[in-house]
Amino acid sequence: MSTTTTRVFTIPTKAEVSQNNQSLFDNLQKGLGFVPNLYAYFAKSETALGDYLTLQNRKSSLRAKEREVINLVTSQINGCRYCQSAHTVIGKMNGFTDEQILEIRKGTASFDNKLDALAKFTTSVITNRGRATDESKNDFFAAGYTEANLIDVIIVVGDKIISNYIHNLTEFEIDFPVADAIE
């Protein structure tokens, strides 16, 4: 009979990470005012934090507000409380209200036709594992999105899946105001 113990995942301090990651911590501290636990956890790997920050900060055909729609929908579907919380804060910084953020997390944005098509397309992409429904694709393109936008949606979904899965596996402390739970 095996004994099962639950592994506790810890956040490394600046002193516990490589010199390169320490420099990234300094940049995050300057830019954000703190090093979010998610980013700090990535620093357990020599290259993951830098790689992830490069992915997050890449140029995109999507506006910041559109990327937040994707982040919120993806984090909700994947059940990542950390990213739901972080992107609720970032969503507000991008002009969304609390009510709009909750609606987006549910996969719609009735307050804006283009963002609604994006939210529904993102929901379809994730729930169908990349095989979005024809209706969601048609509505996405009818709303004015392009094939370049489609590619960028998938890049943002991939970025968010990485962070969702990291937190879902580790469940380290959420260092943002915790977002309301919704079903």
C-alpha atoms as a PDB file:
ATOM      1  CA  MET A   1       0.000   0.000   0.000  1.00  0.00           C
ATOM      2  CA  SER A   2       1.452   3.349  -1.011  1.00  0.00           C
ATOM      3  CA  THR A   3       1.263   6.467   1.059  1.00  0.00           C
ATOM      4  CA  THR A   4       0.252   9.537  -0.853  1.00  0.00           C
ATOM      5  CA  THR A   5       1.448  12.936   0.220  1.00  0.00           C
ATOM      6  CA  THR A   6       0.486  16.136  -1.467  1.00  0.00           C
ATOM      7  CA  ARG A   7       3.430  18.038  -2.801  1.00  0.00           C
ATOM      8  CA  VAL A   8       3.555  21.675  -1.770  1.00  0.00           C
ATOM      9  CA  PHE A   9       4.831  23.943  -4.523  1.00  0.00           C
ATOM     10  CA  THR A  10       6.747  26.985  -3.361  1.00  0.00           C
ATOM     11  CA  ILE A  11       7.543  30.320  -4.934  1.00  0.00           C
ATOM     12  CA  PRO A  12      11.273  30.974  -5.182  1.00  0.00           C
ATOM     13  CA  THR A  13      12.762  34.146  -3.782  1.00  0.00           C
ATOM     14  CA  LYS A  14      15.014  36.319  -5.887  1.00  0.00           C
ATOM     15  CA  ALA A  15      18.065  34.848  -4.122  1.00  0.00           C
ATOM     16  CA  GLU A  16      16.979  31.323  -5.118  1.00  0.00           C
ATOM     17  CA  VAL A  17      16.884  31.905  -8.874  1.00  0.00           C
ATOM     18  CA  SER A  18      19.610  32.267 -11.495  1.00  0.00           C
ATOM     19  CA  GLN A  19      21.394  35.549 -12.146  1.00  0.00           C
ATOM     20  CA  ASN A  20      19.509  35.938 -15.435  1.00  0.00           C
ATOM     21  CA  ASN A  21      16.160  35.417 -13.701  1.00  0.00           C
ATOM     22  CA  GLN A  22      17.178  37.828 -10.939  1.00  0.00           C
ATOM     23  CA  SER A  23      17.552  40.512 -13.626  1.00  0.00           C
ATOM     24  CA  LEU A  24      14.060  39.659 -14.906  1.00  0.00           C
ATOM     25  CA  PHE A  25      12.741  39.942 -11.333  1.00  0.00           C
ATOM     26  CA  ASP A  26      14.292  43.428 -11.143  1.00  0.00           C
ATOM     27  CA  ASN A  27      12.584  44.437 -14.408  1.00  0.00           C
ATOM     28  CA  LEU A  28       9.230  43.084 -13.212  1.00  0.00           C
ATOM     29  CA  GLN A  29       9.613  44.886  -9.895  1.00  0.00           C
ATOM     30  CA  LYS A  30      10.291  48.168 -11.727  1.00  0.00           C
ATOM     31  CA  GLY A  31       7.466  47.706 -14.218  1.00  0.00           C
ATOM     32  CA  LEU A  32       4.734  46.178 -12.051  1.00  0.00           C
ATOM     33  CA  GLY A  33       5.781  47.149  -8.543  1.00  0.00           C
ATOM     34  CA  PHE A  34       6.079  43.463  -7.567  1.00  0.00           C
ATOM     35  CA  VAL A  35       6.970  40.067  -9.004  1.00  0.00           C
ATOM     36  CA  PRO A  36       3.745  38.082  -9.426  1.00  0.00           C
ATOM     37  CA  ASN A  37       3.936  34.554  -8.040  1.00  0.00           C
ATOM     38  CA  LEU A  38       3.248  33.072 -11.471  1.00  0.00           C
ATOM     39  CA  TYR A  39       6.299  34.780 -12.948  1.00  0.00           C
ATOM     40  CA  ALA A  40       8.423  33.889  -9.938  1.00  0.00           C
ATOM     41  CA  TYR A  41       7.421  30.253 -10.277  1.00  0.00           C
ATOM     42  CA  PHE A  42       8.518  30.233 -13.933  1.00  0.00           C
ATOM     43  CA  ALA A  43      11.976  31.290 -12.677  1.00  0.00           C
ATOM     44  CA  LYS A  44      12.521  27.799 -11.247  1.00  0.00           C
ATOM     45  CA  SER A  45      13.468  27.028 -14.846  1.00  0.00           C
ATOM     46  CA  GLU A  46      16.555  28.729 -16.253  1.00  0.00           C
ATOM     47  CA  THR A  47      14.777  29.837 -19.431  1.00  0.00           C
ATOM     48  CA  ALA A  48      10.993  29.610 -18.896  1.00  0.00           C
ATOM     49  CA  LEU A  49      10.475  33.071 -17.385  1.00  0.00           C
ATOM     50  CA  GLY A  50      12.307  34.857 -20.188  1.00  0.00           C
ATOM     51  CA  ASP A  51      10.598  32.734 -22.822  1.00  0.00           C
ATOM     52  CA  TYR A  52       7.172  33.328 -21.316  1.00  0.00           C
ATOM     53  CA  LEU A  53       7.688  37.092 -21.008  1.00  0.00           C
ATOM     54  CA  THR A  54       8.813  37.203 -24.646  1.00  0.00           C
ATOM     55  CA  LEU A  55       5.651  35.351 -25.681  1.00  0.00           C
ATOM     56  CA  GLN A  56       3.428  37.642 -23.610  1.00  0.00           C
ATOM     57  CA  ASN A  57       5.060  40.818 -24.876  1.00  0.00           C
ATOM     58  CA  ARG A  58       5.157  39.921 -28.583  1.00  0.00           C
ATOM     59  CA  LYS A  59       3.611  42.274 -31.126  1.00  0.00           C
ATOM     60  CA  SER A  60       0.057  41.321 -32.011  1.00  0.00           C
ATOM     61  CA  SER A  61      -2.652  42.307 -34.447  1.00  0.00           C
ATOM     62  CA  LEU A  62      -5.026  42.321 -31.480  1.00  0.00           C
ATOM     63  CA  ARG A  63      -5.602  45.292 -29.191  1.00  0.00           C
ATOM     64  CA  ALA A  64      -4.926  44.912 -25.457  1.00  0.00           C
ATOM     65  CA  LYS A  65      -8.668  44.826 -24.746  1.00  0.00           C
ATOM     66  CA  GLU A  66      -9.120  41.969 -27.228  1.00  0.00           C
ATOM     67  CA  ARG A  67      -6.259  40.026 -25.667  1.00  0.00           C
ATOM     68  CA  GLU A  68      -7.939  40.429 -22.274  1.00  0.00           C
ATOM     69  CA  VAL A  69     -11.162  38.945 -23.646  1.00  0.00           C
ATOM     70  CA  ILE A  70      -9.167  35.891 -24.749  1.00  0.00           C
ATOM     71  CA  ASN A  71      -7.305  35.710 -21.419  1.00  0.00           C
ATOM     72  CA  LEU A  72     -10.511  35.917 -19.383  1.00  0.00           C
ATOM     73  CA  VAL A  73     -12.415  33.354 -21.460  1.00  0.00           C
ATOM     74  CA  THR A  74      -9.495  30.910 -21.525  1.00  0.00           C
ATOM     75  CA  SER A  75      -8.832  31.212 -17.794  1.00  0.00           C
ATOM     76  CA  GLN A  76     -12.500  30.658 -16.988  1.00  0.00           C
ATOM     77  CA  ILE A  77     -12.820  27.562 -19.178  1.00  0.00           C
ATOM     78  CA  ASN A  78      -9.593  26.146 -17.746  1.00  0.00           C
ATOM     79  CA  GLY A  79     -10.692  26.911 -14.182  1.00  0.00           C
ATOM     80  CA  CYS A  80      -7.552  28.860 -13.316  1.00  0.00           C
ATOM     81  CA  ARG A  81      -8.349  31.036 -10.295  1.00  0.00           C
ATOM     82  CA  TYR A  82      -4.936  32.721 -10.436  1.00  0.00           C
ATOM     83  CA  CYS A  83      -5.368  33.910 -14.027  1.00  0.00           C
ATOM     84  CA  GLN A  84      -9.046  34.772 -13.535  1.00  0.00           C
ATOM     85  CA  SER A  85      -7.919  37.029 -10.689  1.00  0.00           C
ATOM     86  CA  ALA A  86      -4.931  38.568 -12.486  1.00  0.00           C
ATOM     87  CA  HIS A  87      -6.913  39.242 -15.659  1.00  0.00           C
ATOM     88  CA  THR A  88      -9.822  40.724 -13.735  1.00  0.00           C
ATOM     89  CA  VAL A  89      -7.365  43.372 -12.513  1.00  0.00           C
ATOM     90  CA  ILE A  90      -5.829  43.792 -15.981  1.00  0.00           C
ATOM     91  CA  GLY A  91      -9.281  43.854 -17.590  1.00  0.00           C
ATOM     92  CA  LYS A  92     -10.258  46.771 -15.344  1.00  0.00           C
ATOM     93  CA  MET A  93      -7.016  48.532 -16.303  1.00  0.00           C
ATOM     94  CA  ASN A  94      -8.132  48.125 -19.936  1.00  0.00           C
ATOM     95  CA  GLY A  95     -11.511  49.763 -19.273  1.00  0.00           C
ATOM     96  CA  PHE A  96     -13.828  46.824 -18.582  1.00  0.00           C
ATOM     97  CA  THR A  97     -16.310  47.074 -15.717  1.00  0.00           C
ATOM     98  CA  ASP A  98     -16.784  44.330 -13.131  1.00  0.00           C
ATOM     99  CA  GLU A  99     -20.036  43.314 -14.818  1.00  0.00           C
ATOM    100  CA  GLN A 100     -18.412  43.184 -18.261  1.00  0.00           C
ATOM    101  CA  ILE A 101     -15.556  41.045 -16.934  1.00  0.00           C
ATOM    102  CA  LEU A 102     -17.984  38.534 -15.427  1.00  0.00           C
ATOM    103  CA  GLU A 103     -19.906  38.392 -18.702  1.00  0.00           C
ATOM    104  CA  ILE A 104     -16.702  37.903 -20.711  1.00  0.00           C
ATOM    105  CA  ARG A 105     -15.643  35.072 -18.418  1.00  0.00           C
ATOM    106  CA  LYS A 106     -18.962  33.400 -19.287  1.00  0.00           C
ATOM    107  CA  GLY A 107     -18.040  33.614 -23.000  1.00  0.00           C
ATOM    108  CA  THR A 108     -20.051  36.588 -24.238  1.00  0.00           C
ATOM    109  CA  ALA A 109     -19.713  40.366 -24.501  1.00  0.00           C
ATOM    110  CA  SER A 110     -23.205  41.645 -25.333  1.00  0.00           C
ATOM    111  CA  PHE A 111     -22.017  45.222 -24.779  1.00  0.00           C
ATOM    112  CA  ASP A 112     -19.786  45.114 -27.911  1.00  0.00           C
ATOM    113  CA  ASN A 113     -20.610  43.093 -31.062  1.00  0.00           C
ATOM    114  CA  LYS A 114     -16.995  42.624 -32.155  1.00  0.00           C
ATOM    115  CA  LEU A 115     -15.793  41.540 -28.698  1.00  0.00           C
ATOM    116  CA  ASP A 116     -18.839  39.255 -28.439  1.00  0.00           C
ATOM    117  CA  ALA A 117     -17.802  37.455 -31.631  1.00  0.00           C
ATOM    118  CA  LEU A 118     -14.261  37.185 -30.241  1.00  0.00           C
ATOM    119  CA  ALA A 119     -15.455  35.795 -26.893  1.00  0.00           C
ATOM    120  CA  LYS A 120     -17.695  33.237 -28.589  1.00  0.00           C
ATOM    121  CA  PHE A 121     -14.969  32.242 -31.064  1.00  0.00           C
ATOM    122  CA  THR A 122     -12.436  31.832 -28.230  1.00  0.00           C
ATOM    123  CA  THR A 123     -14.916  29.727 -26.256  1.00  0.00           C
ATOM    124  CA  SER A 124     -15.512  27.515 -29.287  1.00  0.00           C
ATOM    125  CA  VAL A 125     -11.793  27.131 -30.005  1.00  0.00           C
ATOM    126  CA  ILE A 126     -11.024  26.030 -26.447  1.00  0.00           C
ATOM    127  CA  THR A 127     -14.022  23.823 -25.785  1.00  0.00           C
ATOM    128  CA  ASN A 128     -13.618  22.086 -29.150  1.00  0.00           C
ATOM    129  CA  ARG A 129      -9.824  21.743 -28.841  1.00  0.00           C
ATOM    130  CA  GLY A 130      -9.046  23.937 -31.813  1.00  0.00           C
ATOM    131  CA  ARG A 131     -11.978  22.869 -33.933  1.00  0.00           C
ATOM    132  CA  ALA A 132     -14.164  25.932 -33.570  1.00  0.00           C
ATOM    133  CA  THR A 133     -17.674  25.693 -34.927  1.00  0.00           C
ATOM    134  CA  ASP A 134     -18.372  27.065 -38.382  1.00  0.00           C
ATOM    135  CA  GLU A 135     -20.833  29.508 -36.825  1.00  0.00           C
ATOM    136  CA  SER A 136     -18.224  30.932 -34.439  1.00  0.00           C
ATOM    137  CA  LYS A 137     -15.651  31.212 -37.246  1.00  0.00           C
ATOM    138  CA  ASN A 138     -18.151  32.881 -39.589  1.00  0.00           C
ATOM    139  CA  ASP A 139     -19.221  35.333 -36.869  1.00  0.00           C
ATOM    140  CA  PHE A 140     -15.555  36.047 -36.026  1.00  0.00           C
ATOM    141  CA  PHE A 141     -14.769  36.992 -39.628  1.00  0.00           C
ATOM    142  CA  ALA A 142     -18.096  38.817 -40.111  1.00  0.00           C
ATOM    143  CA  ALA A 143     -17.185  40.990 -37.098  1.00  0.00           C
ATOM    144  CA  GLY A 144     -14.144  42.233 -39.024  1.00  0.00           C
ATOM    145  CA  TYR A 145     -11.423  39.909 -37.817  1.00  0.00           C
ATOM    146  CA  THR A 146      -8.825  38.562 -40.259  1.00  0.00           C
ATOM    147  CA  GLU A 147      -6.812  35.381 -40.620  1.00  0.00           C
ATOM    148  CA  ALA A 148      -3.882  37.220 -39.001  1.00  0.00           C
ATOM    149  CA  ASN A 149      -6.183  37.915 -36.037  1.00  0.00           C
ATOM    150  CA  LEU A 150      -7.129  34.223 -35.943  1.00  0.00           C
ATOM    151  CA  ILE A 151      -3.453  33.292 -35.632  1.00  0.00           C
ATOM    152  CA  ASP A 152      -2.950  35.848 -32.870  1.00  0.00           C
ATOM    153  CA  VAL A 153      -6.017  34.555 -30.998  1.00  0.00           C
ATOM    154  CA  ILE A 154      -4.463  31.091 -30.967  1.00  0.00           C
ATOM    155  CA  ILE A 155      -1.109  32.488 -29.776  1.00  0.00           C
ATOM    156  CA  VAL A 156      -2.879  34.232 -26.848  1.00  0.00           C
ATOM    157  CA  VAL A 157      -4.886  31.084 -26.061  1.00  0.00           C
ATOM    158  CA  GLY A 158      -1.626  29.095 -26.027  1.00  0.00           C
ATOM    159  CA  ASP A 159       0.038  31.662 -23.762  1.00  0.00           C
ATOM    160  CA  LYS A 160      -2.875  31.523 -21.352  1.00  0.00           C
ATOM    161  CA  ILE A 161      -3.073  27.729 -21.366  1.00  0.00           C
ATOM    162  CA  ILE A 162       0.574  27.631 -20.272  1.00  0.00           C
ATOM    163  CA  SER A 163      -0.069  29.824 -17.242  1.00  0.00           C
ATOM    164  CA  ASN A 164      -3.457  28.192 -16.483  1.00  0.00           C
ATOM    165  CA  TYR A 165      -1.908  24.744 -16.415  1.00  0.00           C
ATOM    166  CA  ILE A 166       1.069  25.845 -14.313  1.00  0.00           C
ATOM    167  CA  HIS A 167      -1.223  27.256 -11.639  1.00  0.00           C
ATOM    168  CA  ASN A 168      -3.773  24.450 -11.842  1.00  0.00           C
ATOM    169  CA  LEU A 169      -0.964  21.932 -11.240  1.00  0.00           C
ATOM    170  CA  THR A 170       0.749  23.822  -8.441  1.00  0.00           C
ATOM    171  CA  GLU A 171      -2.020  25.861  -6.760  1.00  0.00           C
ATOM    172  CA  PHE A 172       0.466  28.325  -5.285  1.00  0.00           C
ATOM    173  CA  GLU A 173      -0.873  31.430  -3.545  1.00  0.00           C
ATOM    174  CA  ILE A 174      -2.865  33.941  -5.593  1.00  0.00           C
ATOM    175  CA  ASP A 175      -1.268  37.355  -5.110  1.00  0.00           C
ATOM    176  CA  PHE A 176      -4.026  39.406  -6.764  1.00  0.00           C
ATOM    177  CA  PRO A 177      -7.459  40.227  -5.344  1.00  0.00           C
ATOM    178  CA  VAL A 178      -9.261  36.922  -5.840  1.00  0.00           C
ATOM    179  CA  ALA A 179     -11.880  37.114  -8.610  1.00  0.00           C
ATOM    180  CA  ASP A 180     -15.459  36.133  -7.864  1.00  0.00           C
ATOM    181  CA  ALA A 181     -16.238  32.517  -8.625  1.00  0.00           C
ATOM    182  CA  ILE A 182     -18.786  31.883 -11.354  1.00  0.00           C
ATOM    183  CA  GLU A 183     -20.176  28.720 -12.843  1.00  0.00           C
END
